[in-house]
Amino acid sequence: MSNSAPGQGLPVGFGFQPYRGDEDHGPMAAVRLGCAERDQVDAHSVVEGLPSATEVAEASARLEEPSKNQILVVHDGSVVGYSTIRWWQERDDTWLYLHRGYLVPEHRCQGIGSAMLSWAEERIRQLVKQHGTARTAVIGTNAMASEQDATALLLAAGYRRVFSLVELELGDLQQLPERGSKLPAGIRTGPIESSHYRAAWRTVVDSYTDTGFTQKWPFQDFVDTADPACWRAAWNGQDMVGVALCCIRRHDHTVGEVEELSVRTDQQRLGIGRALLMDGLRSLRGQGATTARLFTGTSNPHRSYDLYESVGFRRQNEYVRYRKPLA
């Protein structure tokens, strides 16, 4: 027997159901698959792809109190949509409460999406009150540029676009140029070991100093998720001047990801970024990856597109970030 209950604003025959754990992961993955064609989902995206039940389970496990901050929409005993909420603090002390909803296309345009949105916003208001973050809290959500239904819903509900990410793909790592950039005198590159972690973390964090809408990244979080097999750094003497943090995708070892490419401001335009990128990509190839992905902000001031496209990356998808005042 379903333990769903009629949801406020939902049509007759639909109900909200609390997230229950393992039994929901397969149906939730099926919802994502059901959205793929209509929303033009890129199954191989490293920003937001097409998760398996295992990956849905992992994402749910990372939520705070998933049974309270994740809700399912059911119809005739079947899961047809779901929403999740998570939050974090940004560098400027803004608390971002992010919700994301998915609804299979055959049940759209019936008010269900609006009811899911209302549930998320009300739950976020409760969380903000609990956390005491009202002074700096904002509501956020995401949508791919190709998600026409979600985009229309969000704009009608008062959300505004604040920035977007573009994902790029290098389709064949076997076609990499074998020669890297010539490095300036005194600059050397090499692997990153645990004794280099703090310098590497600082190099990345400092590169976001003037970038808005970026999450705080404590050093311990960096350490806890470190995967240095394909990491590379550049040094000028004993000073680290740049890093390329690359990794193999955990659930698809044929795909590599360039998670970060950062060069100290006073060392840019010298070929260091290109040399680090090439070193990182060759490391990914050596670990078995056949393709590589990365994403970057569309307003990136460092013209990194030029670098990425010069080694063969091509633009794939755009992911738009929306926000709305809490009040």
C-alpha atoms as a PDB file:
ATOM      1  CA  MET A   1       0.000   0.000   0.000  1.00  0.00           C
ATOM      2  CA  SER A   2       1.287   3.465  -0.860  1.00  0.00           C
ATOM      3  CA  ASN A   3       1.857   5.871   2.007  1.00  0.00           C
ATOM      4  CA  SER A   4       1.424   8.873  -0.247  1.00  0.00           C
ATOM      5  CA  ALA A   5      -0.926  11.680   0.636  1.00  0.00           C
ATOM      6  CA  PRO A   6      -2.657  14.233  -1.561  1.00  0.00           C
ATOM      7  CA  GLY A   7      -0.256  17.116  -2.082  1.00  0.00           C
ATOM      8  CA  GLN A   8      -1.347  20.717  -1.826  1.00  0.00           C
ATOM      9  CA  GLY A   9      -1.892  21.978  -5.347  1.00  0.00           C
ATOM     10  CA  LEU A  10      -1.604  18.531  -6.977  1.00  0.00           C
ATOM     11  CA  PRO A  11      -4.359  17.299  -9.333  1.00  0.00           C
ATOM     12  CA  VAL A  12      -6.663  14.497  -8.216  1.00  0.00           C
ATOM     13  CA  GLY A  13      -4.911  11.141  -8.428  1.00  0.00           C
ATOM     14  CA  PHE A  14      -1.476  12.523  -7.579  1.00  0.00           C
ATOM     15  CA  GLY A  15       0.198  12.640  -4.183  1.00  0.00           C
ATOM     16  CA  PHE A  16       3.421  13.530  -2.428  1.00  0.00           C
ATOM     17  CA  GLN A  17       5.341  10.685  -0.828  1.00  0.00           C
ATOM     18  CA  PRO A  18       8.343  11.022   1.500  1.00  0.00           C
ATOM     19  CA  TYR A  19      11.597   9.522   0.288  1.00  0.00           C
ATOM     20  CA  ARG A  20      11.924   6.050   1.856  1.00  0.00           C
ATOM     21  CA  GLY A  21      15.403   4.862   0.865  1.00  0.00           C
ATOM     22  CA  ASP A  22      16.556   1.972  -1.304  1.00  0.00           C
ATOM     23  CA  GLU A  23      13.157   1.113  -2.744  1.00  0.00           C
ATOM     24  CA  ASP A  24      12.908   4.577  -4.329  1.00  0.00           C
ATOM     25  CA  HIS A  25      16.257   4.722  -6.126  1.00  0.00           C
ATOM     26  CA  GLY A  26      15.221   2.666  -9.158  1.00  0.00           C
ATOM     27  CA  PRO A  27      11.976   4.602  -9.709  1.00  0.00           C
ATOM     28  CA  MET A  28      13.832   7.913  -9.292  1.00  0.00           C
ATOM     29  CA  ALA A  29      16.402   6.857 -11.901  1.00  0.00           C
ATOM     30  CA  ALA A  30      13.485   5.892 -14.163  1.00  0.00           C
ATOM     31  CA  VAL A  31      12.071   9.416 -13.800  1.00  0.00           C
ATOM     32  CA  ARG A  32      15.383  10.845 -14.997  1.00  0.00           C
ATOM     33  CA  LEU A  33      15.427   8.463 -17.953  1.00  0.00           C
ATOM     34  CA  GLY A  34      11.847   9.416 -18.774  1.00  0.00           C
ATOM     35  CA  CYS A  35      12.845  13.092 -18.958  1.00  0.00           C
ATOM     36  CA  ALA A  36      15.875  12.517 -21.178  1.00  0.00           C
ATOM     37  CA  GLU A  37      14.393  12.829 -24.661  1.00  0.00           C
ATOM     38  CA  ARG A  38      12.109  15.799 -24.005  1.00  0.00           C
ATOM     39  CA  ASP A  39      14.788  17.739 -22.102  1.00  0.00           C
ATOM     40  CA  GLN A  40      17.666  16.735 -24.413  1.00  0.00           C
ATOM     41  CA  VAL A  41      19.696  15.343 -21.515  1.00  0.00           C
ATOM     42  CA  ASP A  42      23.331  14.542 -22.251  1.00  0.00           C
ATOM     43  CA  ALA A  43      23.761  11.092 -20.708  1.00  0.00           C
ATOM     44  CA  HIS A  44      27.537  11.555 -20.390  1.00  0.00           C
ATOM     45  CA  SER A  45      27.463  15.008 -18.794  1.00  0.00           C
ATOM     46  CA  VAL A  46      29.696  15.569 -15.769  1.00  0.00           C
ATOM     47  CA  VAL A  47      27.442  18.451 -14.668  1.00  0.00           C
ATOM     48  CA  GLU A  48      24.101  16.690 -14.772  1.00  0.00           C
ATOM     49  CA  GLY A  49      23.888  13.448 -16.705  1.00  0.00           C
ATOM     50  CA  LEU A  50      21.632  10.425 -16.551  1.00  0.00           C
ATOM     51  CA  PRO A  51      22.202   8.742 -13.172  1.00  0.00           C
ATOM     52  CA  SER A  52      21.820   5.051 -12.436  1.00  0.00           C
ATOM     53  CA  ALA A  53      19.927   3.852  -9.366  1.00  0.00           C
ATOM     54  CA  THR A  54      23.301   3.513  -7.622  1.00  0.00           C
ATOM     55  CA  GLU A  55      24.190   7.120  -8.394  1.00  0.00           C
ATOM     56  CA  VAL A  56      20.755   8.311  -7.224  1.00  0.00           C
ATOM     57  CA  ALA A  57      21.390   6.423  -3.969  1.00  0.00           C
ATOM     58  CA  GLU A  58      24.779   8.106  -3.549  1.00  0.00           C
ATOM     59  CA  ALA A  59      23.301  11.557  -4.206  1.00  0.00           C
ATOM     60  CA  SER A  60      20.509  10.902  -1.703  1.00  0.00           C
ATOM     61  CA  ALA A  61      23.022   9.791   0.916  1.00  0.00           C
ATOM     62  CA  ARG A  62      24.814  13.137   0.614  1.00  0.00           C
ATOM     63  CA  LEU A  63      21.665  15.073   1.501  1.00  0.00           C
ATOM     64  CA  GLU A  64      20.949  16.274   5.019  1.00  0.00           C
ATOM     65  CA  GLU A  65      17.931  14.323   6.317  1.00  0.00           C
ATOM     66  CA  PRO A  66      16.936  12.983   2.871  1.00  0.00           C
ATOM     67  CA  SER A  67      13.519  11.821   4.078  1.00  0.00           C
ATOM     68  CA  LYS A  68      12.660  15.461   4.868  1.00  0.00           C
ATOM     69  CA  ASN A  69      14.552  17.204   2.061  1.00  0.00           C
ATOM     70  CA  GLN A  70      13.510  14.954  -0.795  1.00  0.00           C
ATOM     71  CA  ILE A  71       9.907  14.379  -1.928  1.00  0.00           C
ATOM     72  CA  LEU A  72       8.429  12.050  -4.530  1.00  0.00           C
ATOM     73  CA  VAL A  73       5.345  12.595  -6.698  1.00  0.00           C
ATOM     74  CA  VAL A  74       3.282   9.428  -7.197  1.00  0.00           C
ATOM     75  CA  HIS A  75       0.431   8.593  -9.555  1.00  0.00           C
ATOM     76  CA  ASP A  76      -1.402   5.250  -9.455  1.00  0.00           C
ATOM     77  CA  GLY A  77       1.354   3.833  -7.260  1.00  0.00           C
ATOM     78  CA  SER A  78       4.178   4.883  -9.600  1.00  0.00           C
ATOM     79  CA  VAL A  79       6.828   7.544  -9.014  1.00  0.00           C
ATOM     80  CA  VAL A  80       6.491  10.164 -11.751  1.00  0.00           C
ATOM     81  CA  GLY A  81       8.628  12.965 -10.303  1.00  0.00           C
ATOM     82  CA  TYR A  82      10.771  14.071  -7.402  1.00  0.00           C
ATOM     83  CA  SER A  83      12.431  17.114  -5.852  1.00  0.00           C
ATOM     84  CA  THR A  84      15.532  17.500  -3.698  1.00  0.00           C
ATOM     85  CA  ILE A  85      16.915  20.287  -1.494  1.00  0.00           C
ATOM     86  CA  ARG A  86      20.491  20.944  -0.387  1.00  0.00           C
ATOM     87  CA  TRP A  87      22.359  24.015   0.820  1.00  0.00           C
ATOM     88  CA  TRP A  88      25.788  25.524   1.361  1.00  0.00           C
ATOM     89  CA  GLN A  89      27.538  28.775   2.170  1.00  0.00           C
ATOM     90  CA  GLU A  90      29.284  30.777  -0.531  1.00  0.00           C
ATOM     91  CA  ARG A  91      32.471  32.806  -0.329  1.00  0.00           C
ATOM     92  CA  ASP A  92      30.571  36.063   0.281  1.00  0.00           C
ATOM     93  CA  ASP A  93      28.637  34.388   3.156  1.00  0.00           C
ATOM     94  CA  THR A  94      25.440  33.929   1.133  1.00  0.00           C
ATOM     95  CA  TRP A  95      23.563  30.785   2.144  1.00  0.00           C
ATOM     96  CA  LEU A  96      22.240  29.152  -1.018  1.00  0.00           C
ATOM     97  CA  TYR A  97      19.309  26.759  -0.630  1.00  0.00           C
ATOM     98  CA  LEU A  98      19.134  24.845  -3.898  1.00  0.00           C
ATOM     99  CA  HIS A  99      16.170  22.768  -5.017  1.00  0.00           C
ATOM    100  CA  ARG A 100      15.954  20.673  -8.154  1.00  0.00           C
ATOM    101  CA  GLY A 101      12.872  18.935  -9.528  1.00  0.00           C
ATOM    102  CA  TYR A 102      12.224  16.322 -12.212  1.00  0.00           C
ATOM    103  CA  LEU A 103       8.840  15.374 -13.666  1.00  0.00           C
ATOM    104  CA  VAL A 104       8.178  12.984 -16.544  1.00  0.00           C
ATOM    105  CA  PRO A 105       6.868  14.869 -19.611  1.00  0.00           C
ATOM    106  CA  GLU A 106       3.433  13.206 -19.826  1.00  0.00           C
ATOM    107  CA  HIS A 107       2.442  14.761 -16.496  1.00  0.00           C
ATOM    108  CA  ARG A 108       3.652  18.289 -17.157  1.00  0.00           C
ATOM    109  CA  CYS A 109       1.421  21.326 -17.734  1.00  0.00           C
ATOM    110  CA  GLN A 110      -1.104  20.121 -15.131  1.00  0.00           C
ATOM    111  CA  GLY A 111       0.100  22.214 -12.198  1.00  0.00           C
ATOM    112  CA  ILE A 112       2.287  19.439 -10.781  1.00  0.00           C
ATOM    113  CA  GLY A 113       5.531  21.314 -11.408  1.00  0.00           C
ATOM    114  CA  SER A 114       4.128  24.365  -9.629  1.00  0.00           C
ATOM    115  CA  ALA A 115       3.105  22.220  -6.653  1.00  0.00           C
ATOM    116  CA  MET A 116       6.606  20.722  -6.492  1.00  0.00           C
ATOM    117  CA  LEU A 117       8.047  24.231  -6.590  1.00  0.00           C
ATOM    118  CA  SER A 118       5.755  25.359  -3.771  1.00  0.00           C
ATOM    119  CA  TRP A 119       6.740  22.352  -1.643  1.00  0.00           C
ATOM    120  CA  ALA A 120      10.451  23.132  -2.132  1.00  0.00           C
ATOM    121  CA  GLU A 121      10.109  26.830  -1.344  1.00  0.00           C
ATOM    122  CA  GLU A 122       8.060  26.181   1.801  1.00  0.00           C
ATOM    123  CA  ARG A 123      10.530  23.558   3.004  1.00  0.00           C
ATOM    124  CA  ILE A 124      13.399  25.984   2.375  1.00  0.00           C
ATOM    125  CA  ARG A 125      11.678  28.670   4.449  1.00  0.00           C
ATOM    126  CA  GLN A 126      11.415  26.171   7.304  1.00  0.00           C
ATOM    127  CA  LEU A 127      15.115  25.302   6.986  1.00  0.00           C
ATOM    128  CA  VAL A 128      16.179  28.953   6.918  1.00  0.00           C
ATOM    129  CA  LYS A 129      14.192  29.566  10.102  1.00  0.00           C
ATOM    130  CA  GLN A 130      15.798  26.526  11.755  1.00  0.00           C
ATOM    131  CA  HIS A 131      19.291  27.526  10.655  1.00  0.00           C
ATOM    132  CA  GLY A 132      18.933  31.227  11.480  1.00  0.00           C
ATOM    133  CA  THR A 133      20.294  32.216   8.058  1.00  0.00           C
ATOM    134  CA  ALA A 134      17.528  34.546   6.876  1.00  0.00           C
ATOM    135  CA  ARG A 135      19.824  37.563   6.631  1.00  0.00           C
ATOM    136  CA  THR A 136      21.879  36.104   3.784  1.00  0.00           C
ATOM    137  CA  ALA A 137      19.739  33.210   2.464  1.00  0.00           C
ATOM    138  CA  VAL A 138      18.538  32.951  -1.139  1.00  0.00           C
ATOM    139  CA  ILE A 139      16.610  30.272  -3.000  1.00  0.00           C
ATOM    140  CA  GLY A 140      18.269  28.750  -6.048  1.00  0.00           C
ATOM    141  CA  THR A 141      17.557  26.149  -8.688  1.00  0.00           C
ATOM    142  CA  ASN A 142      19.104  24.861 -11.902  1.00  0.00           C
ATOM    143  CA  ALA A 143      17.899  24.012 -15.389  1.00  0.00           C
ATOM    144  CA  MET A 144      19.615  23.070 -18.589  1.00  0.00           C
ATOM    145  CA  ALA A 145      19.106  25.540 -21.424  1.00  0.00           C
ATOM    146  CA  SER A 146      17.337  22.713 -23.277  1.00  0.00           C
ATOM    147  CA  GLU A 147      14.752  22.227 -20.477  1.00  0.00           C
ATOM    148  CA  GLN A 148      12.094  24.456 -21.983  1.00  0.00           C
ATOM    149  CA  ASP A 149       9.309  23.410 -19.597  1.00  0.00           C
ATOM    150  CA  ALA A 150      11.373  23.986 -16.449  1.00  0.00           C
ATOM    151  CA  THR A 151      12.722  27.285 -17.749  1.00  0.00           C
ATOM    152  CA  ALA A 152       9.210  28.626 -18.422  1.00  0.00           C
ATOM    153  CA  LEU A 153       8.025  27.474 -14.982  1.00  0.00           C
ATOM    154  CA  LEU A 154      10.914  29.118 -13.152  1.00  0.00           C
ATOM    155  CA  LEU A 155      10.681  32.439 -14.981  1.00  0.00           C
ATOM    156  CA  ALA A 156       6.920  32.574 -14.326  1.00  0.00           C
ATOM    157  CA  ALA A 157       7.597  31.918 -10.622  1.00  0.00           C
ATOM    158  CA  GLY A 158       9.935  34.908 -10.296  1.00  0.00           C
ATOM    159  CA  TYR A 159      13.334  33.271 -10.638  1.00  0.00           C
ATOM    160  CA  ARG A 160      16.046  35.134 -12.505  1.00  0.00           C
ATOM    161  CA  ARG A 161      19.054  33.820 -14.321  1.00  0.00           C
ATOM    162  CA  VAL A 162      22.274  34.747 -12.508  1.00  0.00           C
ATOM    163  CA  PHE A 163      24.923  32.808 -14.437  1.00  0.00           C
ATOM    164  CA  SER A 164      25.452  29.669 -16.485  1.00  0.00           C
ATOM    165  CA  LEU A 165      28.006  26.945 -17.078  1.00  0.00           C
ATOM    166  CA  VAL A 166      29.050  25.506 -20.399  1.00  0.00           C
ATOM    167  CA  GLU A 167      30.272  21.925 -20.662  1.00  0.00           C
ATOM    168  CA  LEU A 168      32.927  20.958 -23.191  1.00  0.00           C
ATOM    169  CA  GLU A 169      34.073  17.563 -24.456  1.00  0.00           C
ATOM    170  CA  LEU A 170      37.302  16.309 -25.969  1.00  0.00           C
ATOM    171  CA  GLY A 171      36.038  13.364 -27.966  1.00  0.00           C
ATOM    172  CA  ASP A 172      39.227  11.364 -28.515  1.00  0.00           C
ATOM    173  CA  LEU A 173      42.156  11.449 -26.112  1.00  0.00           C
ATOM    174  CA  GLN A 174      44.208   9.462 -28.619  1.00  0.00           C
ATOM    175  CA  GLN A 175      44.326  12.566 -30.821  1.00  0.00           C
ATOM    176  CA  LEU A 176      46.133  14.763 -28.285  1.00  0.00           C
ATOM    177  CA  PRO A 177      49.074  16.742 -29.582  1.00  0.00           C
ATOM    178  CA  GLU A 178      52.101  14.908 -28.234  1.00  0.00           C
ATOM    179  CA  ARG A 179      54.135  18.033 -27.648  1.00  0.00           C
ATOM    180  CA  GLY A 180      53.113  20.349 -24.832  1.00  0.00           C
ATOM    181  CA  SER A 181      53.698  24.079 -24.581  1.00  0.00           C
ATOM    182  CA  LYS A 182      57.218  25.282 -24.040  1.00  0.00           C
ATOM    183  CA  LEU A 183      57.429  26.387 -20.433  1.00  0.00           C
ATOM    184  CA  PRO A 184      59.109  29.620 -19.346  1.00  0.00           C
ATOM    185  CA  ALA A 185      62.597  29.315 -17.891  1.00  0.00           C
ATOM    186  CA  GLY A 186      62.507  28.097 -14.294  1.00  0.00           C
ATOM    187  CA  ILE A 187      59.014  26.553 -14.502  1.00  0.00           C
ATOM    188  CA  ARG A 188      58.632  22.791 -14.065  1.00  0.00           C
ATOM    189  CA  THR A 189      55.594  20.506 -13.880  1.00  0.00           C
ATOM    190  CA  GLY A 190      55.018  17.272 -12.005  1.00  0.00           C
ATOM    191  CA  PRO A 191      52.591  15.173  -9.948  1.00  0.00           C
ATOM    192  CA  ILE A 192      50.941  16.435  -6.767  1.00  0.00           C
ATOM    193  CA  GLU A 193      51.740  14.505  -3.606  1.00  0.00           C
ATOM    194  CA  SER A 194      50.057  14.766  -0.216  1.00  0.00           C
ATOM    195  CA  SER A 195      52.733  17.189   1.002  1.00  0.00           C
ATOM    196  CA  HIS A 196      51.609  19.564  -1.785  1.00  0.00           C
ATOM    197  CA  TYR A 197      47.893  19.465  -0.931  1.00  0.00           C
ATOM    198  CA  ARG A 198      47.656  22.746   0.945  1.00  0.00           C
ATOM    199  CA  ALA A 199      49.518  24.656  -1.781  1.00  0.00           C
ATOM    200  CA  ALA A 200      47.297  23.075  -4.451  1.00  0.00           C
ATOM    201  CA  TRP A 201      44.130  23.904  -2.526  1.00  0.00           C
ATOM    202  CA  ARG A 202      45.280  27.481  -1.989  1.00  0.00           C
ATOM    203  CA  THR A 203      46.083  27.858  -5.701  1.00  0.00           C
ATOM    204  CA  VAL A 204      42.533  26.870  -6.631  1.00  0.00           C
ATOM    205  CA  VAL A 205      40.799  28.878  -3.880  1.00  0.00           C
ATOM    206  CA  ASP A 206      42.768  32.017  -4.721  1.00  0.00           C
ATOM    207  CA  SER A 207      41.760  31.710  -8.376  1.00  0.00           C
ATOM    208  CA  TYR A 208      38.112  32.267  -7.344  1.00  0.00           C
ATOM    209  CA  THR A 209      38.776  35.405  -5.305  1.00  0.00           C
ATOM    210  CA  ASP A 210      36.937  37.686  -7.736  1.00  0.00           C
ATOM    211  CA  THR A 211      34.356  35.118  -8.891  1.00  0.00           C
ATOM    212  CA  GLY A 212      30.793  35.362  -7.614  1.00  0.00           C
ATOM    213  CA  PHE A 213      28.414  32.555  -6.701  1.00  0.00           C
ATOM    214  CA  THR A 214      31.179  30.162  -5.617  1.00  0.00           C
ATOM    215  CA  GLN A 215      30.904  27.716  -2.742  1.00  0.00           C
ATOM    216  CA  LYS A 216      33.244  27.847   0.217  1.00  0.00           C
ATOM    217  CA  TRP A 217      35.737  24.977  -0.038  1.00  0.00           C
ATOM    218  CA  PRO A 218      37.403  24.154   3.285  1.00  0.00           C
ATOM    219  CA  PHE A 219      40.820  22.511   3.103  1.00  0.00           C
ATOM    220  CA  GLN A 220      39.502  19.413   4.876  1.00  0.00           C
ATOM    221  CA  ASP A 221      36.914  18.916   2.121  1.00  0.00           C
ATOM    222  CA  PHE A 222      39.742  19.099  -0.406  1.00  0.00           C
ATOM    223  CA  VAL A 223      41.680  16.438   1.498  1.00  0.00           C
ATOM    224  CA  ASP A 224      38.645  14.194   1.991  1.00  0.00           C
ATOM    225  CA  THR A 225      37.944  14.026  -1.748  1.00  0.00           C
ATOM    226  CA  ALA A 226      41.543  14.028  -2.997  1.00  0.00           C
ATOM    227  CA  ASP A 227      42.180  11.720  -5.975  1.00  0.00           C
ATOM    228  CA  PRO A 228      45.690  12.705  -7.092  1.00  0.00           C
ATOM    229  CA  ALA A 229      46.470  10.006  -9.683  1.00  0.00           C
ATOM    230  CA  CYS A 230      45.933  12.467 -12.560  1.00  0.00           C
ATOM    231  CA  TRP A 231      46.741  15.716 -10.749  1.00  0.00           C
ATOM    232  CA  ARG A 232      49.546  17.919 -12.015  1.00  0.00           C
ATOM    233  CA  ALA A 233      51.134  21.128 -10.718  1.00  0.00           C
ATOM    234  CA  ALA A 234      53.588  23.737 -11.963  1.00  0.00           C
ATOM    235  CA  TRP A 235      56.311  25.250  -9.797  1.00  0.00           C
ATOM    236  CA  ASN A 236      58.577  28.249 -10.057  1.00  0.00           C
ATOM    237  CA  GLY A 237      61.376  27.190  -7.746  1.00  0.00           C
ATOM    238  CA  GLN A 238      59.571  26.087  -4.574  1.00  0.00           C
ATOM    239  CA  ASP A 239      56.420  28.110  -5.291  1.00  0.00           C
ATOM    240  CA  MET A 240      53.408  26.379  -6.819  1.00  0.00           C
ATOM    241  CA  VAL A 241      52.051  28.578  -9.610  1.00  0.00           C
ATOM    242  CA  GLY A 242      49.336  26.397 -11.161  1.00  0.00           C
ATOM    243  CA  VAL A 243      47.403  23.138 -10.951  1.00  0.00           C
ATOM    244  CA  ALA A 244      45.396  20.818 -13.179  1.00  0.00           C
ATOM    245  CA  LEU A 245      43.139  18.576 -11.079  1.00  0.00           C
ATOM    246  CA  CYS A 246      41.928  15.763 -13.332  1.00  0.00           C
ATOM    247  CA  CYS A 247      40.147  12.540 -12.397  1.00  0.00           C
ATOM    248  CA  ILE A 248      38.577   9.419 -13.869  1.00  0.00           C
ATOM    249  CA  ARG A 249      34.790   9.281 -13.577  1.00  0.00           C
ATOM    250  CA  ARG A 250      33.962   6.736 -10.898  1.00  0.00           C
ATOM    251  CA  HIS A 251      31.044   5.083 -12.703  1.00  0.00           C
ATOM    252  CA  ASP A 252      32.521   5.290 -16.222  1.00  0.00           C
ATOM    253  CA  HIS A 253      36.275   4.802 -16.399  1.00  0.00           C
ATOM    254  CA  THR A 254      36.357   5.751 -20.090  1.00  0.00           C
ATOM    255  CA  VAL A 255      35.539   9.374 -19.197  1.00  0.00           C
ATOM    256  CA  GLY A 256      38.054  11.726 -17.635  1.00  0.00           C
ATOM    257  CA  GLU A 257      37.222  15.089 -16.117  1.00  0.00           C
ATOM    258  CA  VAL A 258      39.270  18.247 -15.766  1.00  0.00           C
ATOM    259  CA  GLU A 259      37.849  19.406 -12.448  1.00  0.00           C
ATOM    260  CA  GLU A 260      40.095  22.443 -12.013  1.00  0.00           C
ATOM    261  CA  LEU A 261      42.686  24.277 -14.084  1.00  0.00           C
ATOM    262  CA  SER A 262      44.110  27.229 -12.184  1.00  0.00           C
ATOM    263  CA  VAL A 263      47.196  29.365 -12.795  1.00  0.00           C
ATOM    264  CA  ARG A 264      48.285  32.147 -10.456  1.00  0.00           C
ATOM    265  CA  THR A 265      47.307  35.548 -11.848  1.00  0.00           C
ATOM    266  CA  ASP A 266      50.870  36.822 -12.151  1.00  0.00           C
ATOM    267  CA  GLN A 267      51.881  33.689 -14.090  1.00  0.00           C
ATOM    268  CA  GLN A 268      49.128  33.661 -16.721  1.00  0.00           C
ATOM    269  CA  ARG A 269      49.633  34.031 -20.502  1.00  0.00           C
ATOM    270  CA  LEU A 270      52.977  32.188 -20.299  1.00  0.00           C
ATOM    271  CA  GLY A 271      51.849  28.767 -21.559  1.00  0.00           C
ATOM    272  CA  ILE A 272      51.673  27.230 -18.078  1.00  0.00           C
ATOM    273  CA  GLY A 273      47.941  26.496 -18.248  1.00  0.00           C
ATOM    274  CA  ARG A 274      48.257  24.736 -21.584  1.00  0.00           C
ATOM    275  CA  ALA A 275      51.210  22.652 -20.389  1.00  0.00           C
ATOM    276  CA  LEU A 276      49.320  21.617 -17.229  1.00  0.00           C
ATOM    277  CA  LEU A 277      46.184  20.801 -19.204  1.00  0.00           C
ATOM    278  CA  MET A 278      48.111  18.614 -21.636  1.00  0.00           C
ATOM    279  CA  ASP A 279      49.911  16.826 -18.784  1.00  0.00           C
ATOM    280  CA  GLY A 280      46.590  16.178 -17.078  1.00  0.00           C
ATOM    281  CA  LEU A 281      44.923  14.902 -20.257  1.00  0.00           C
ATOM    282  CA  ARG A 282      47.822  12.532 -20.962  1.00  0.00           C
ATOM    283  CA  SER A 283      47.501  11.255 -17.390  1.00  0.00           C
ATOM    284  CA  LEU A 284      43.799  10.587 -17.946  1.00  0.00           C
ATOM    285  CA  ARG A 285      44.608   8.701 -21.137  1.00  0.00           C
ATOM    286  CA  GLY A 286      47.216   6.685 -19.273  1.00  0.00           C
ATOM    287  CA  GLN A 287      44.544   5.691 -16.742  1.00  0.00           C
ATOM    288  CA  GLY A 288      42.266   4.384 -19.491  1.00  0.00           C
ATOM    289  CA  ALA A 289      40.050   7.362 -20.324  1.00  0.00           C
ATOM    290  CA  THR A 290      39.126   7.741 -23.996  1.00  0.00           C
ATOM    291  CA  THR A 291      37.267  11.076 -23.721  1.00  0.00           C
ATOM    292  CA  ALA A 292      37.454  14.075 -21.398  1.00  0.00           C
ATOM    293  CA  ARG A 293      34.922  16.592 -20.115  1.00  0.00           C
ATOM    294  CA  LEU A 294      35.062  19.897 -18.251  1.00  0.00           C
ATOM    295  CA  PHE A 295      32.810  22.847 -17.504  1.00  0.00           C
ATOM    296  CA  THR A 296      33.404  26.539 -17.006  1.00  0.00           C
ATOM    297  CA  GLY A 297      31.370  29.701 -16.449  1.00  0.00           C
ATOM    298  CA  THR A 298      30.112  31.495 -19.536  1.00  0.00           C
ATOM    299  CA  SER A 299      31.407  34.796 -18.144  1.00  0.00           C
ATOM    300  CA  ASN A 300      34.875  33.373 -17.445  1.00  0.00           C
ATOM    301  CA  PRO A 301      37.207  36.411 -17.567  1.00  0.00           C
ATOM    302  CA  HIS A 302      40.342  34.414 -18.388  1.00  0.00           C
ATOM    303  CA  ARG A 303      39.304  33.416 -21.950  1.00  0.00           C
ATOM    304  CA  SER A 304      39.785  29.764 -21.005  1.00  0.00           C
ATOM    305  CA  TYR A 305      37.508  28.735 -23.892  1.00  0.00           C
ATOM    306  CA  ASP A 306      40.289  29.655 -26.280  1.00  0.00           C
ATOM    307  CA  LEU A 307      42.691  27.313 -24.503  1.00  0.00           C
ATOM    308  CA  TYR A 308      40.246  24.423 -24.256  1.00  0.00           C
ATOM    309  CA  GLU A 309      39.133  24.693 -27.861  1.00  0.00           C
ATOM    310  CA  SER A 310      42.723  24.961 -29.057  1.00  0.00           C
ATOM    311  CA  VAL A 311      43.405  21.418 -27.810  1.00  0.00           C
ATOM    312  CA  GLY A 312      40.189  19.995 -29.270  1.00  0.00           C
ATOM    313  CA  PHE A 313      37.409  20.541 -26.699  1.00  0.00           C
ATOM    314  CA  ARG A 314      33.999  21.371 -28.161  1.00  0.00           C
ATOM    315  CA  ARG A 315      30.981  22.923 -26.443  1.00  0.00           C
ATOM    316  CA  GLN A 316      28.152  20.534 -25.553  1.00  0.00           C
ATOM    317  CA  ASN A 317      25.566  21.908 -23.133  1.00  0.00           C
ATOM    318  CA  GLU A 318      24.630  24.995 -21.139  1.00  0.00           C
ATOM    319  CA  TYR A 319      23.454  24.747 -17.526  1.00  0.00           C
ATOM    320  CA  VAL A 320      21.649  27.802 -16.183  1.00  0.00           C
ATOM    321  CA  ARG A 321      21.621  28.809 -12.515  1.00  0.00           C
ATOM    322  CA  TYR A 322      18.553  30.693 -11.242  1.00  0.00           C
ATOM    323  CA  ARG A 323      17.910  32.517  -7.978  1.00  0.00           C
ATOM    324  CA  LYS A 324      15.020  34.132  -6.160  1.00  0.00           C
ATOM    325  CA  PRO A 325      14.841  36.208  -2.963  1.00  0.00           C
ATOM    326  CA  LEU A 326      13.685  34.336   0.097  1.00  0.00           C
ATOM    327  CA  ALA A 327      10.787  36.687   0.893  1.00  0.00           C
END
